Amino acid sequence: MRHKISLSTMFVAIGLTFSASAVFAEDAPAKTEEAKTEAPAAGNDARAAMLAYTCAGCHGTNGNSQGPAIPTIAGMAEDTFTDAMNAFKDPEGGKNATIMDRIAKGYSDEDIAAMASFFAKQKFVAAKQDFDAAKAESGKKIHEKSCEKCHEEGGTKDVDGSGILAGQWKPYLHYSLVDALNGDRAVPKKMAKKLKSVHEEKGDAAIAELIEYYASQQ
């Protein structure tokens, strides 16, 4: 069962953390020069984790979504995360959204960079879901012919902003691929051309088979 934390509870917890830090800081012994040089890294990690926890309500603990239409962002390359967030913030960014376009505006560039670093370090956990083995096999052939060059190792790697496809929830993959096919989601011209070609050859079945293939990688 998925547990949601209300924003008010989260902000209270954060406030208590900062209050406690202020109290204990008065009695804390002076730091050595060595400790002072190490402190910023630890502080940055804690700040990144705190910011990332605000995403857990939708994207799951450490970025591993509990589905079905929300992507897992654990293991996402820093550049991919940053580019996506900036596209959500920009009305002309080409990112279809129901709520992320509003949420993204609440984060500064420094916040986004910190979260990008945090999620890039998290382990991607593939969604456990049913899939059609026969369609997955057909989808594998389509992937190897048309998608593997950019979505390496069966779509398991995020290289140059390709994103991780293998192990994502099927509804999310469906919405994303259909949006890309219809021009409602900004994608590289090469990908748009490949996707259109695949669809012209096999129709909607090609999209369904690709989705089953990526879902089969658990």
N, C-alpha and C. Protein backbone atom coordinates (compact mmCIF):
# COMPACT_ATOMS: atom_id res chain seq x y z
N MET A 1 0.86 -1.20 0.00
CA MET A 1 0.00 0.00 0.00
C MET A 1 0.89 1.24 0.00
N ARG A 2 0.47 2.23 -0.76
CA ARG A 2 1.24 3.45 -0.89
C ARG A 2 0.82 4.47 0.16
N HIS A 3 1.76 5.02 0.91
CA HIS A 3 1.44 6.00 1.95
C HIS A 3 1.82 7.39 1.46
N LYS A 4 0.94 8.34 1.61
CA LYS A 4 1.19 9.71 1.19
C LYS A 4 1.44 10.60 2.41
N ILE A 5 2.39 11.49 2.29
CA ILE A 5 2.69 12.43 3.36
C ILE A 5 2.16 13.78 2.94
N SER A 6 1.35 14.40 3.77
CA SER A 6 0.79 15.70 3.42
C SER A 6 1.88 16.74 3.43
N LEU A 7 1.70 17.79 2.62
CA LEU A 7 2.69 18.86 2.56
C LEU A 7 2.84 19.54 3.91
N SER A 8 1.72 19.71 4.63
CA SER A 8 1.80 20.37 5.93
C SER A 8 2.65 19.58 6.90
N THR A 9 2.49 18.24 6.90
CA THR A 9 3.29 17.40 7.77
C THR A 9 4.76 17.50 7.40
N MET A 10 5.03 17.52 6.08
CA MET A 10 6.40 17.59 5.62
C MET A 10 7.07 18.89 6.05
N PHE A 11 6.35 20.01 5.87
CA PHE A 11 6.92 21.29 6.22
C PHE A 11 7.14 21.42 7.73
N VAL A 12 6.22 20.85 8.53
CA VAL A 12 6.41 20.88 9.98
C VAL A 12 7.66 20.11 10.36
N ALA A 13 7.85 18.94 9.74
CA ALA A 13 9.02 18.13 10.04
C ALA A 13 10.30 18.86 9.68
N ILE A 14 10.28 19.51 8.52
CA ILE A 14 11.44 20.26 8.08
C ILE A 14 11.71 21.42 9.04
N GLY A 15 10.65 22.10 9.45
CA GLY A 15 10.79 23.22 10.38
C GLY A 15 11.39 22.77 11.70
N LEU A 16 10.93 21.62 12.19
CA LEU A 16 11.47 21.10 13.44
C LEU A 16 12.94 20.76 13.29
N THR A 17 13.32 20.24 12.15
CA THR A 17 14.71 19.90 11.91
C THR A 17 15.58 21.13 11.97
N PHE A 18 15.15 22.21 11.29
CA PHE A 18 15.93 23.43 11.30
C PHE A 18 15.98 24.06 12.69
N SER A 19 14.86 24.00 13.43
CA SER A 19 14.82 24.56 14.78
C SER A 19 15.80 23.84 15.68
N ALA A 20 15.79 22.51 15.61
CA ALA A 20 16.69 21.73 16.43
C ALA A 20 18.14 22.03 16.08
N SER A 21 18.41 22.19 14.79
CA SER A 21 19.77 22.48 14.36
C SER A 21 20.25 23.80 14.95
N ALA A 22 19.36 24.79 14.98
CA ALA A 22 19.73 26.11 15.50
C ALA A 22 20.05 26.04 16.98
N VAL A 23 19.27 25.26 17.75
CA VAL A 23 19.48 25.14 19.19
C VAL A 23 20.80 24.48 19.49
N PHE A 24 21.06 23.34 18.84
CA PHE A 24 22.27 22.59 19.13
C PHE A 24 23.51 23.29 18.62
N ALA A 25 23.35 24.15 17.63
CA ALA A 25 24.52 24.85 17.07
C ALA A 25 25.17 25.74 18.11
N GLU A 26 24.36 26.28 19.08
CA GLU A 26 24.90 27.19 20.08
C GLU A 26 25.87 26.49 21.01
N ASP A 27 25.61 25.20 21.29
CA ASP A 27 26.44 24.46 22.23
C ASP A 27 27.49 23.61 21.54
N ALA A 28 27.49 23.60 20.21
CA ALA A 28 28.42 22.73 19.50
C ALA A 28 29.84 23.26 19.60
N PRO A 29 30.84 22.35 19.75
CA PRO A 29 32.23 22.79 19.84
C PRO A 29 32.69 23.34 18.51
N ALA A 30 33.72 24.20 18.56
CA ALA A 30 34.25 24.78 17.33
C ALA A 30 34.78 23.68 16.43
N LYS A 31 34.55 23.82 15.11
CA LYS A 31 34.99 22.81 14.16
C LYS A 31 36.46 23.04 13.81
N THR A 32 37.14 21.92 13.56
CA THR A 32 38.51 22.02 13.09
C THR A 32 38.48 22.43 11.63
N GLU A 33 39.64 22.88 11.11
CA GLU A 33 39.71 23.28 9.71
C GLU A 33 39.38 22.11 8.81
N GLU A 34 39.80 20.89 9.20
CA GLU A 34 39.53 19.70 8.39
C GLU A 34 38.04 19.45 8.31
N ALA A 35 37.36 19.57 9.44
CA ALA A 35 35.93 19.32 9.48
C ALA A 35 35.18 20.35 8.66
N LYS A 36 35.68 21.59 8.68
CA LYS A 36 35.02 22.65 7.93
C LYS A 36 35.05 22.38 6.43
N THR A 37 36.14 21.77 5.96
CA THR A 37 36.24 21.50 4.53
C THR A 37 35.34 20.36 4.12
N GLU A 38 35.00 19.46 5.05
CA GLU A 38 34.14 18.32 4.73
C GLU A 38 32.67 18.66 4.88
N ALA A 39 32.36 19.64 5.70
CA ALA A 39 30.96 19.94 6.02
C ALA A 39 30.10 20.28 4.81
N PRO A 40 30.56 21.10 3.86
CA PRO A 40 29.70 21.47 2.74
C PRO A 40 29.16 20.28 1.97
N ALA A 41 30.02 19.24 1.73
CA ALA A 41 29.57 18.08 0.97
C ALA A 41 28.45 17.37 1.71
N ALA A 42 28.62 17.17 3.02
CA ALA A 42 27.59 16.50 3.80
C ALA A 42 26.31 17.32 3.80
N GLY A 43 26.46 18.63 3.94
CA GLY A 43 25.30 19.51 3.93
C GLY A 43 24.57 19.46 2.61
N ASN A 44 25.33 19.44 1.52
CA ASN A 44 24.72 19.38 0.19
C ASN A 44 23.95 18.09 0.00
N ASP A 45 24.51 16.96 0.48
CA ASP A 45 23.84 15.67 0.36
C ASP A 45 22.52 15.68 1.13
N ALA A 46 22.55 16.25 2.34
CA ALA A 46 21.34 16.29 3.17
C ALA A 46 20.28 17.17 2.51
N ARG A 47 20.71 18.29 1.94
CA ARG A 47 19.78 19.20 1.27
C ARG A 47 19.17 18.53 0.05
N ALA A 48 20.01 17.83 -0.71
CA ALA A 48 19.52 17.14 -1.90
C ALA A 48 18.49 16.08 -1.53
N ALA A 49 18.77 15.33 -0.45
CA ALA A 49 17.83 14.30 -0.01
C ALA A 49 16.52 14.91 0.44
N MET A 50 16.60 16.02 1.18
CA MET A 50 15.39 16.70 1.66
C MET A 50 14.52 17.15 0.50
N LEU A 51 15.15 17.74 -0.51
CA LEU A 51 14.41 18.19 -1.68
C LEU A 51 13.80 17.02 -2.44
N ALA A 52 14.57 15.94 -2.55
CA ALA A 52 14.10 14.77 -3.29
C ALA A 52 12.90 14.11 -2.61
N TYR A 53 12.85 14.19 -1.28
CA TYR A 53 11.73 13.57 -0.56
C TYR A 53 10.40 14.24 -0.91
N THR A 54 10.45 15.47 -1.40
CA THR A 54 9.20 16.13 -1.78
C THR A 54 8.61 15.49 -3.04
N CYS A 55 9.39 14.67 -3.73
CA CYS A 55 8.93 14.00 -4.95
C CYS A 55 8.35 12.62 -4.66
N ALA A 56 8.58 12.11 -3.44
CA ALA A 56 8.23 10.73 -3.11
C ALA A 56 6.73 10.44 -3.20
N GLY A 57 5.90 11.46 -2.90
CA GLY A 57 4.46 11.23 -2.92
C GLY A 57 3.97 10.71 -4.26
N CYS A 58 4.61 11.13 -5.34
CA CYS A 58 4.21 10.67 -6.68
C CYS A 58 5.20 9.68 -7.27
N HIS A 59 6.49 9.98 -7.15
CA HIS A 59 7.50 9.16 -7.83
C HIS A 59 8.06 8.03 -6.96
N GLY A 60 7.55 7.90 -5.74
CA GLY A 60 7.97 6.80 -4.89
C GLY A 60 9.26 7.07 -4.14
N THR A 61 9.54 6.22 -3.16
CA THR A 61 10.74 6.36 -2.35
C THR A 61 11.98 6.28 -3.22
N ASN A 62 12.84 7.28 -3.07
CA ASN A 62 14.07 7.37 -3.84
C ASN A 62 13.85 7.37 -5.35
N GLY A 63 12.64 7.75 -5.75
CA GLY A 63 12.36 7.88 -7.18
C GLY A 63 11.86 6.64 -7.87
N ASN A 64 11.55 5.58 -7.11
CA ASN A 64 11.03 4.36 -7.71
C ASN A 64 9.51 4.34 -7.61
N SER A 65 8.87 4.64 -8.73
CA SER A 65 7.43 4.82 -8.79
C SER A 65 6.66 3.54 -8.48
N GLN A 66 5.53 3.71 -7.79
CA GLN A 66 4.62 2.60 -7.54
C GLN A 66 3.51 2.56 -8.58
N GLY A 67 3.64 3.38 -9.62
CA GLY A 67 2.77 3.33 -10.80
C GLY A 67 1.45 4.03 -10.63
N PRO A 68 0.61 3.88 -11.69
CA PRO A 68 0.95 3.21 -12.96
C PRO A 68 1.37 4.18 -14.06
N ALA A 69 0.99 5.45 -13.95
CA ALA A 69 1.26 6.39 -15.05
C ALA A 69 2.37 7.37 -14.72
N ILE A 70 3.08 7.12 -13.62
CA ILE A 70 4.16 8.03 -13.19
C ILE A 70 5.50 7.31 -13.35
N PRO A 71 6.46 7.95 -13.99
CA PRO A 71 7.73 7.26 -14.26
C PRO A 71 8.62 7.13 -13.03
N THR A 72 9.43 6.09 -13.05
CA THR A 72 10.51 5.98 -12.08
C THR A 72 11.62 6.91 -12.53
N ILE A 73 12.13 7.71 -11.60
CA ILE A 73 13.20 8.65 -11.94
C ILE A 73 14.51 8.31 -11.24
N ALA A 74 14.52 7.22 -10.47
CA ALA A 74 15.76 6.74 -9.87
C ALA A 74 16.70 6.31 -11.01
N GLY A 75 17.97 6.65 -10.87
CA GLY A 75 18.94 6.25 -11.89
C GLY A 75 18.96 7.15 -13.11
N MET A 76 18.12 8.18 -13.11
CA MET A 76 18.07 9.10 -14.25
C MET A 76 19.35 9.95 -14.27
N ALA A 77 19.92 10.08 -15.46
CA ALA A 77 21.13 10.90 -15.59
C ALA A 77 20.84 12.35 -15.17
N GLU A 78 21.83 13.01 -14.61
CA GLU A 78 21.64 14.37 -14.11
C GLU A 78 21.15 15.31 -15.21
N ASP A 79 21.75 15.22 -16.39
CA ASP A 79 21.35 16.10 -17.48
C ASP A 79 19.91 15.84 -17.92
N THR A 80 19.50 14.58 -17.90
CA THR A 80 18.14 14.23 -18.29
C THR A 80 17.14 14.84 -17.32
N PHE A 81 17.43 14.72 -16.03
CA PHE A 81 16.56 15.27 -15.00
C PHE A 81 16.47 16.79 -15.13
N THR A 82 17.64 17.43 -15.25
CA THR A 82 17.68 18.89 -15.33
C THR A 82 16.95 19.40 -16.56
N ASP A 83 17.18 18.76 -17.70
CA ASP A 83 16.51 19.18 -18.93
C ASP A 83 15.00 19.03 -18.83
N ALA A 84 14.56 17.94 -18.21
CA ALA A 84 13.12 17.70 -18.07
C ALA A 84 12.48 18.76 -17.17
N MET A 85 13.11 19.04 -16.04
CA MET A 85 12.56 20.03 -15.11
C MET A 85 12.52 21.42 -15.75
N ASN A 86 13.57 21.77 -16.48
CA ASN A 86 13.59 23.07 -17.14
C ASN A 86 12.53 23.16 -18.24
N ALA A 87 12.29 22.04 -18.90
CA ALA A 87 11.25 22.02 -19.94
C ALA A 87 9.87 22.18 -19.31
N PHE A 88 9.68 21.60 -18.13
CA PHE A 88 8.40 21.77 -17.42
C PHE A 88 8.22 23.23 -16.99
N LYS A 89 9.31 23.88 -16.58
CA LYS A 89 9.24 25.26 -16.12
C LYS A 89 8.94 26.22 -17.26
N ASP A 90 9.37 25.87 -18.45
CA ASP A 90 9.24 26.73 -19.61
C ASP A 90 7.97 26.38 -20.39
N PRO A 91 7.03 27.30 -20.54
CA PRO A 91 5.78 27.02 -21.27
C PRO A 91 6.02 26.53 -22.69
N GLU A 92 7.18 26.89 -23.25
CA GLU A 92 7.51 26.47 -24.61
C GLU A 92 8.47 25.28 -24.60
N GLY A 93 8.59 24.63 -23.45
CA GLY A 93 9.57 23.55 -23.31
C GLY A 93 9.20 22.25 -23.98
N GLY A 94 7.96 22.13 -24.40
CA GLY A 94 7.57 20.92 -25.12
C GLY A 94 7.27 19.72 -24.24
N LYS A 95 7.03 19.94 -22.95
CA LYS A 95 6.74 18.83 -22.04
C LYS A 95 5.26 18.85 -21.67
N ASN A 96 4.53 17.82 -22.12
CA ASN A 96 3.14 17.68 -21.71
C ASN A 96 3.09 17.38 -20.21
N ALA A 97 2.19 18.01 -19.50
CA ALA A 97 2.13 17.78 -18.05
C ALA A 97 0.73 18.04 -17.52
N THR A 98 0.41 17.34 -16.43
CA THR A 98 -0.85 17.58 -15.74
C THR A 98 -0.61 18.46 -14.52
N ILE A 99 0.57 18.29 -13.91
CA ILE A 99 0.88 19.06 -12.70
C ILE A 99 2.35 19.46 -12.61
N MET A 100 3.24 18.73 -13.30
CA MET A 100 4.66 19.01 -13.18
C MET A 100 5.05 20.40 -13.67
N ASP A 101 4.30 20.96 -14.60
CA ASP A 101 4.62 22.30 -15.08
C ASP A 101 4.45 23.33 -13.97
N ARG A 102 3.56 23.04 -13.01
CA ARG A 102 3.37 23.95 -11.88
C ARG A 102 4.37 23.64 -10.76
N ILE A 103 4.59 22.37 -10.51
CA ILE A 103 5.51 21.96 -9.45
C ILE A 103 6.94 22.43 -9.75
N ALA A 104 7.37 22.25 -10.99
CA ALA A 104 8.75 22.58 -11.35
C ALA A 104 9.09 24.03 -11.11
N LYS A 105 8.10 24.91 -11.26
CA LYS A 105 8.34 26.34 -11.06
C LYS A 105 8.72 26.68 -9.62
N GLY A 106 8.46 25.78 -8.69
CA GLY A 106 8.76 26.04 -7.29
C GLY A 106 10.20 25.76 -6.91
N TYR A 107 10.99 25.26 -7.85
CA TYR A 107 12.38 24.92 -7.55
C TYR A 107 13.35 25.84 -8.29
N SER A 108 14.40 26.25 -7.60
CA SER A 108 15.44 27.07 -8.22
C SER A 108 16.37 26.17 -9.04
N ASP A 109 17.25 26.79 -9.81
CA ASP A 109 18.23 26.01 -10.57
C ASP A 109 19.12 25.19 -9.63
N GLU A 110 19.45 25.76 -8.48
CA GLU A 110 20.28 25.05 -7.50
C GLU A 110 19.53 23.85 -6.92
N ASP A 111 18.24 24.03 -6.67
CA ASP A 111 17.42 22.93 -6.16
C ASP A 111 17.39 21.78 -7.17
N ILE A 112 17.17 22.13 -8.41
CA ILE A 112 17.07 21.12 -9.47
C ILE A 112 18.39 20.37 -9.63
N ALA A 113 19.49 21.10 -9.57
CA ALA A 113 20.80 20.46 -9.67
C ALA A 113 21.03 19.49 -8.52
N ALA A 114 20.61 19.88 -7.32
CA ALA A 114 20.78 19.02 -6.15
C ALA A 114 19.93 17.75 -6.28
N MET A 115 18.69 17.89 -6.73
CA MET A 115 17.82 16.72 -6.90
C MET A 115 18.33 15.82 -8.02
N ALA A 116 18.84 16.43 -9.09
CA ALA A 116 19.38 15.65 -10.20
C ALA A 116 20.51 14.76 -9.72
N SER A 117 21.38 15.32 -8.88
CA SER A 117 22.50 14.56 -8.33
C SER A 117 22.00 13.42 -7.45
N PHE A 118 20.97 13.71 -6.65
CA PHE A 118 20.43 12.69 -5.74
C PHE A 118 19.84 11.51 -6.52
N PHE A 119 18.97 11.79 -7.47
CA PHE A 119 18.29 10.71 -8.19
C PHE A 119 19.24 9.92 -9.08
N ALA A 120 20.27 10.56 -9.60
CA ALA A 120 21.24 9.86 -10.44
C ALA A 120 21.96 8.77 -9.65
N LYS A 121 22.05 8.94 -8.33
CA LYS A 121 22.76 7.98 -7.48
C LYS A 121 21.86 6.84 -6.99
N GLN A 122 20.56 6.93 -7.23
CA GLN A 122 19.64 5.92 -6.72
C GLN A 122 19.54 4.74 -7.68
N LYS A 123 19.28 3.58 -7.13
CA LYS A 123 19.15 2.37 -7.96
C LYS A 123 17.76 2.30 -8.59
N PHE A 124 17.72 2.10 -9.88
CA PHE A 124 16.45 1.94 -10.60
C PHE A 124 15.89 0.55 -10.30
N VAL A 125 14.63 0.52 -9.85
CA VAL A 125 13.96 -0.76 -9.57
C VAL A 125 12.84 -0.93 -10.59
N ALA A 126 12.97 -1.95 -11.42
CA ALA A 126 11.98 -2.19 -12.48
C ALA A 126 10.62 -2.52 -11.89
N ALA A 127 9.57 -2.03 -12.53
CA ALA A 127 8.20 -2.30 -12.07
C ALA A 127 7.86 -3.76 -12.28
N LYS A 128 7.23 -4.35 -11.30
CA LYS A 128 6.76 -5.74 -11.41
C LYS A 128 5.34 -5.70 -11.97
N GLN A 129 5.19 -6.14 -13.20
CA GLN A 129 3.89 -6.06 -13.86
C GLN A 129 3.73 -7.18 -14.87
N ASP A 130 2.49 -7.49 -15.19
CA ASP A 130 2.21 -8.52 -16.18
C ASP A 130 2.60 -8.04 -17.56
N PHE A 131 2.97 -8.98 -18.43
CA PHE A 131 3.28 -8.63 -19.81
C PHE A 131 2.99 -9.82 -20.71
N ASP A 132 2.81 -9.52 -21.99
CA ASP A 132 2.53 -10.55 -22.98
C ASP A 132 3.86 -10.99 -23.59
N ALA A 133 4.26 -12.23 -23.34
CA ALA A 133 5.57 -12.72 -23.77
C ALA A 133 5.73 -12.70 -25.29
N ALA A 134 4.68 -13.07 -26.00
CA ALA A 134 4.76 -13.10 -27.47
C ALA A 134 4.94 -11.69 -28.03
N LYS A 135 4.17 -10.75 -27.50
CA LYS A 135 4.29 -9.36 -27.96
C LYS A 135 5.65 -8.78 -27.55
N ALA A 136 6.13 -9.18 -26.38
CA ALA A 136 7.42 -8.70 -25.91
C ALA A 136 8.54 -9.14 -26.85
N GLU A 137 8.43 -10.35 -27.36
CA GLU A 137 9.44 -10.86 -28.28
C GLU A 137 9.42 -10.08 -29.59
N SER A 138 8.24 -9.75 -30.06
CA SER A 138 8.12 -8.93 -31.27
C SER A 138 8.65 -7.52 -31.00
N GLY A 139 8.34 -7.00 -29.81
CA GLY A 139 8.80 -5.68 -29.43
C GLY A 139 10.32 -5.61 -29.34
N LYS A 140 10.93 -6.70 -28.91
CA LYS A 140 12.39 -6.76 -28.83
C LYS A 140 13.01 -6.56 -30.21
N LYS A 141 12.41 -7.19 -31.23
CA LYS A 141 12.93 -7.07 -32.59
C LYS A 141 12.79 -5.64 -33.10
N ILE A 142 11.67 -5.01 -32.77
CA ILE A 142 11.47 -3.61 -33.18
C ILE A 142 12.50 -2.71 -32.50
N HIS A 143 12.71 -2.97 -31.20
CA HIS A 143 13.68 -2.17 -30.45
C HIS A 143 15.08 -2.31 -31.05
N GLU A 144 15.49 -3.54 -31.30
CA GLU A 144 16.84 -3.79 -31.80
C GLU A 144 17.06 -3.15 -33.17
N LYS A 145 16.01 -3.09 -33.96
CA LYS A 145 16.11 -2.53 -35.31
C LYS A 145 16.06 -1.00 -35.31
N SER A 146 15.19 -0.43 -34.47
CA SER A 146 14.92 1.01 -34.58
C SER A 146 15.29 1.85 -33.36
N CYS A 147 15.49 1.23 -32.21
CA CYS A 147 15.64 2.03 -30.98
C CYS A 147 16.97 1.83 -30.24
N GLU A 148 17.61 0.70 -30.48
CA GLU A 148 18.77 0.33 -29.67
C GLU A 148 19.94 1.30 -29.79
N LYS A 149 20.08 1.96 -30.92
CA LYS A 149 21.22 2.85 -31.12
C LYS A 149 21.25 3.96 -30.08
N CYS A 150 20.08 4.48 -29.70
CA CYS A 150 20.01 5.54 -28.70
C CYS A 150 19.65 5.00 -27.32
N HIS A 151 18.70 4.05 -27.27
CA HIS A 151 18.26 3.46 -26.00
C HIS A 151 19.02 2.16 -25.79
N GLU A 152 20.25 2.31 -25.33
CA GLU A 152 21.18 1.19 -25.28
C GLU A 152 20.80 0.11 -24.27
N GLU A 153 21.33 -1.10 -24.55
CA GLU A 153 21.15 -2.27 -23.68
C GLU A 153 19.68 -2.52 -23.37
N GLY A 154 18.90 -2.53 -24.44
CA GLY A 154 17.48 -2.85 -24.28
C GLY A 154 16.67 -1.77 -23.61
N GLY A 155 17.20 -0.54 -23.63
CA GLY A 155 16.47 0.56 -23.00
C GLY A 155 16.72 0.69 -21.52
N THR A 156 17.76 0.01 -21.03
CA THR A 156 18.05 0.03 -19.59
C THR A 156 18.99 1.17 -19.19
N LYS A 157 19.58 1.85 -20.17
CA LYS A 157 20.56 2.90 -19.88
C LYS A 157 20.03 4.27 -20.29
N ASP A 158 20.39 5.26 -19.48
CA ASP A 158 20.05 6.65 -19.80
C ASP A 158 21.32 7.29 -20.35
N VAL A 159 21.40 7.37 -21.67
CA VAL A 159 22.58 7.91 -22.33
C VAL A 159 22.18 9.13 -23.15
N ASP A 160 22.84 10.24 -22.90
CA ASP A 160 22.59 11.47 -23.65
C ASP A 160 21.11 11.86 -23.66
N GLY A 161 20.48 11.72 -22.50
CA GLY A 161 19.08 12.15 -22.38
C GLY A 161 18.06 11.18 -22.92
N SER A 162 18.47 9.94 -23.19
CA SER A 162 17.53 8.96 -23.75
C SER A 162 16.49 8.51 -22.74
N GLY A 163 16.83 8.56 -21.46
CA GLY A 163 15.91 8.09 -20.42
C GLY A 163 15.90 6.57 -20.34
N ILE A 164 15.47 6.05 -19.21
CA ILE A 164 15.36 4.60 -19.02
C ILE A 164 13.95 4.17 -19.41
N LEU A 165 13.85 3.23 -20.34
CA LEU A 165 12.55 2.72 -20.79
C LEU A 165 12.23 1.36 -20.18
N ALA A 166 13.22 0.49 -20.12
CA ALA A 166 13.01 -0.86 -19.60
C ALA A 166 12.62 -0.82 -18.14
N GLY A 167 11.54 -1.51 -17.81
CA GLY A 167 11.10 -1.57 -16.42
C GLY A 167 10.19 -0.46 -15.98
N GLN A 168 9.87 0.48 -16.89
CA GLN A 168 8.90 1.53 -16.55
C GLN A 168 7.48 0.94 -16.62
N TRP A 169 6.54 1.59 -15.96
CA TRP A 169 5.16 1.14 -15.97
C TRP A 169 4.56 1.28 -17.37
N LYS A 170 3.75 0.29 -17.76
CA LYS A 170 3.17 0.28 -19.10
C LYS A 170 2.30 1.50 -19.41
N PRO A 171 1.41 1.93 -18.50
CA PRO A 171 0.61 3.12 -18.83
C PRO A 171 1.47 4.34 -19.10
N TYR A 172 2.54 4.52 -18.32
CA TYR A 172 3.42 5.66 -18.55
C TYR A 172 4.07 5.56 -19.93
N LEU A 173 4.57 4.39 -20.28
CA LEU A 173 5.19 4.20 -21.59
C LEU A 173 4.19 4.48 -22.72
N HIS A 174 2.96 4.02 -22.52
CA HIS A 174 1.92 4.23 -23.54
C HIS A 174 1.68 5.73 -23.77
N TYR A 175 1.45 6.46 -22.67
CA TYR A 175 1.18 7.89 -22.80
C TYR A 175 2.36 8.60 -23.45
N SER A 176 3.57 8.24 -23.05
CA SER A 176 4.76 8.91 -23.56
C SER A 176 4.97 8.66 -25.04
N LEU A 177 4.83 7.40 -25.45
CA LEU A 177 5.05 7.07 -26.86
C LEU A 177 3.97 7.65 -27.76
N VAL A 178 2.73 7.61 -27.29
CA VAL A 178 1.64 8.18 -28.09
C VAL A 178 1.81 9.69 -28.21
N ASP A 179 2.19 10.35 -27.12
CA ASP A 179 2.43 11.80 -27.17
C ASP A 179 3.55 12.13 -28.15
N ALA A 180 4.62 11.33 -28.11
CA ALA A 180 5.75 11.56 -29.02
C ALA A 180 5.32 11.34 -30.47
N LEU A 181 4.52 10.31 -30.69
CA LEU A 181 4.05 10.00 -32.04
C LEU A 181 3.15 11.10 -32.58
N ASN A 182 2.33 11.67 -31.71
CA ASN A 182 1.38 12.71 -32.13
C ASN A 182 1.98 14.11 -32.14
N GLY A 183 3.23 14.22 -31.71
CA GLY A 183 3.87 15.53 -31.68
C GLY A 183 3.54 16.35 -30.46
N ASP A 184 2.93 15.71 -29.43
CA ASP A 184 2.57 16.41 -28.21
C ASP A 184 3.69 16.36 -27.17
N ARG A 185 4.76 15.70 -27.48
CA ARG A 185 5.91 15.59 -26.58
C ARG A 185 7.17 15.83 -27.41
N ALA A 186 7.96 16.79 -27.00
CA ALA A 186 9.17 17.12 -27.74
C ALA A 186 10.19 16.00 -27.64
N VAL A 187 10.60 15.46 -28.76
CA VAL A 187 11.63 14.41 -28.81
C VAL A 187 12.59 14.75 -29.94
N PRO A 188 13.80 14.19 -29.92
CA PRO A 188 14.74 14.45 -31.01
C PRO A 188 14.12 14.08 -32.36
N LYS A 189 14.48 14.83 -33.38
CA LYS A 189 13.90 14.58 -34.71
C LYS A 189 14.15 13.15 -35.19
N LYS A 190 15.32 12.63 -34.86
CA LYS A 190 15.65 11.27 -35.28
C LYS A 190 14.70 10.26 -34.66
N MET A 191 14.40 10.45 -33.37
CA MET A 191 13.47 9.54 -32.70
C MET A 191 12.07 9.66 -33.28
N ALA A 192 11.64 10.89 -33.51
CA ALA A 192 10.31 11.12 -34.08
C ALA A 192 10.18 10.43 -35.43
N LYS A 193 11.22 10.51 -36.23
CA LYS A 193 11.22 9.88 -37.55
C LYS A 193 11.16 8.36 -37.44
N LYS A 194 11.97 7.80 -36.52
CA LYS A 194 11.99 6.34 -36.32
C LYS A 194 10.63 5.85 -35.84
N LEU A 195 10.07 6.56 -34.88
CA LEU A 195 8.79 6.16 -34.30
C LEU A 195 7.69 6.20 -35.35
N LYS A 196 7.70 7.24 -36.15
CA LYS A 196 6.71 7.37 -37.22
C LYS A 196 6.85 6.24 -38.23
N SER A 197 8.09 5.90 -38.56
CA SER A 197 8.35 4.82 -39.52
C SER A 197 7.85 3.49 -39.00
N VAL A 198 8.13 3.21 -37.73
CA VAL A 198 7.67 1.97 -37.10
C VAL A 198 6.15 1.90 -37.09
N HIS A 199 5.52 3.02 -36.77
CA HIS A 199 4.06 3.06 -36.71
C HIS A 199 3.44 2.88 -38.09
N GLU A 200 4.04 3.47 -39.09
CA GLU A 200 3.52 3.33 -40.45
C GLU A 200 3.61 1.89 -40.93
N GLU A 201 4.63 1.19 -40.46
CA GLU A 201 4.85 -0.20 -40.88
C GLU A 201 3.90 -1.18 -40.19
N LYS A 202 3.67 -0.99 -38.88
CA LYS A 202 2.88 -1.97 -38.14
C LYS A 202 1.68 -1.38 -37.40
N GLY A 203 1.50 -0.08 -37.46
CA GLY A 203 0.37 0.55 -36.79
C GLY A 203 0.51 0.55 -35.28
N ASP A 204 -0.62 0.61 -34.60
CA ASP A 204 -0.62 0.68 -33.14
C ASP A 204 -0.01 -0.56 -32.50
N ALA A 205 -0.02 -1.67 -33.25
CA ALA A 205 0.55 -2.91 -32.72
C ALA A 205 2.03 -2.75 -32.39
N ALA A 206 2.73 -1.94 -33.19
CA ALA A 206 4.16 -1.73 -32.95
C ALA A 206 4.38 -1.06 -31.60
N ILE A 207 3.57 -0.07 -31.29
CA ILE A 207 3.68 0.63 -30.01
C ILE A 207 3.40 -0.32 -28.86
N ALA A 208 2.34 -1.12 -29.02
CA ALA A 208 1.96 -2.08 -27.98
C ALA A 208 3.07 -3.10 -27.75
N GLU A 209 3.68 -3.55 -28.81
CA GLU A 209 4.74 -4.56 -28.69
C GLU A 209 6.00 -3.98 -28.04
N LEU A 210 6.34 -2.76 -28.39
CA LEU A 210 7.47 -2.11 -27.72
C LEU A 210 7.23 -2.00 -26.23
N ILE A 211 6.03 -1.60 -25.86
CA ILE A 211 5.68 -1.44 -24.46
C ILE A 211 5.79 -2.76 -23.72
N GLU A 212 5.30 -3.84 -24.33
CA GLU A 212 5.37 -5.15 -23.68
C GLU A 212 6.83 -5.59 -23.52
N TYR A 213 7.66 -5.25 -24.50
CA TYR A 213 9.08 -5.59 -24.39
C TYR A 213 9.74 -4.89 -23.23
N TYR A 214 9.52 -3.58 -23.12
CA TYR A 214 10.14 -2.84 -22.01
C TYR A 214 9.58 -3.30 -20.66
N ALA A 215 8.31 -3.65 -20.64
CA ALA A 215 7.70 -4.12 -19.39
C ALA A 215 8.22 -5.49 -18.98
N SER A 216 8.69 -6.25 -19.96
CA SER A 216 9.16 -7.62 -19.67
C SER A 216 10.51 -7.64 -18.96
N GLN A 217 11.21 -6.52 -18.96
CA GLN A 217 12.54 -6.47 -18.36
C GLN A 217 12.45 -6.09 -16.88
N GLN A 218 12.31 -7.10 -16.07
CA GLN A 218 12.08 -6.91 -14.63
C GLN A 218 13.20 -7.50 -13.80
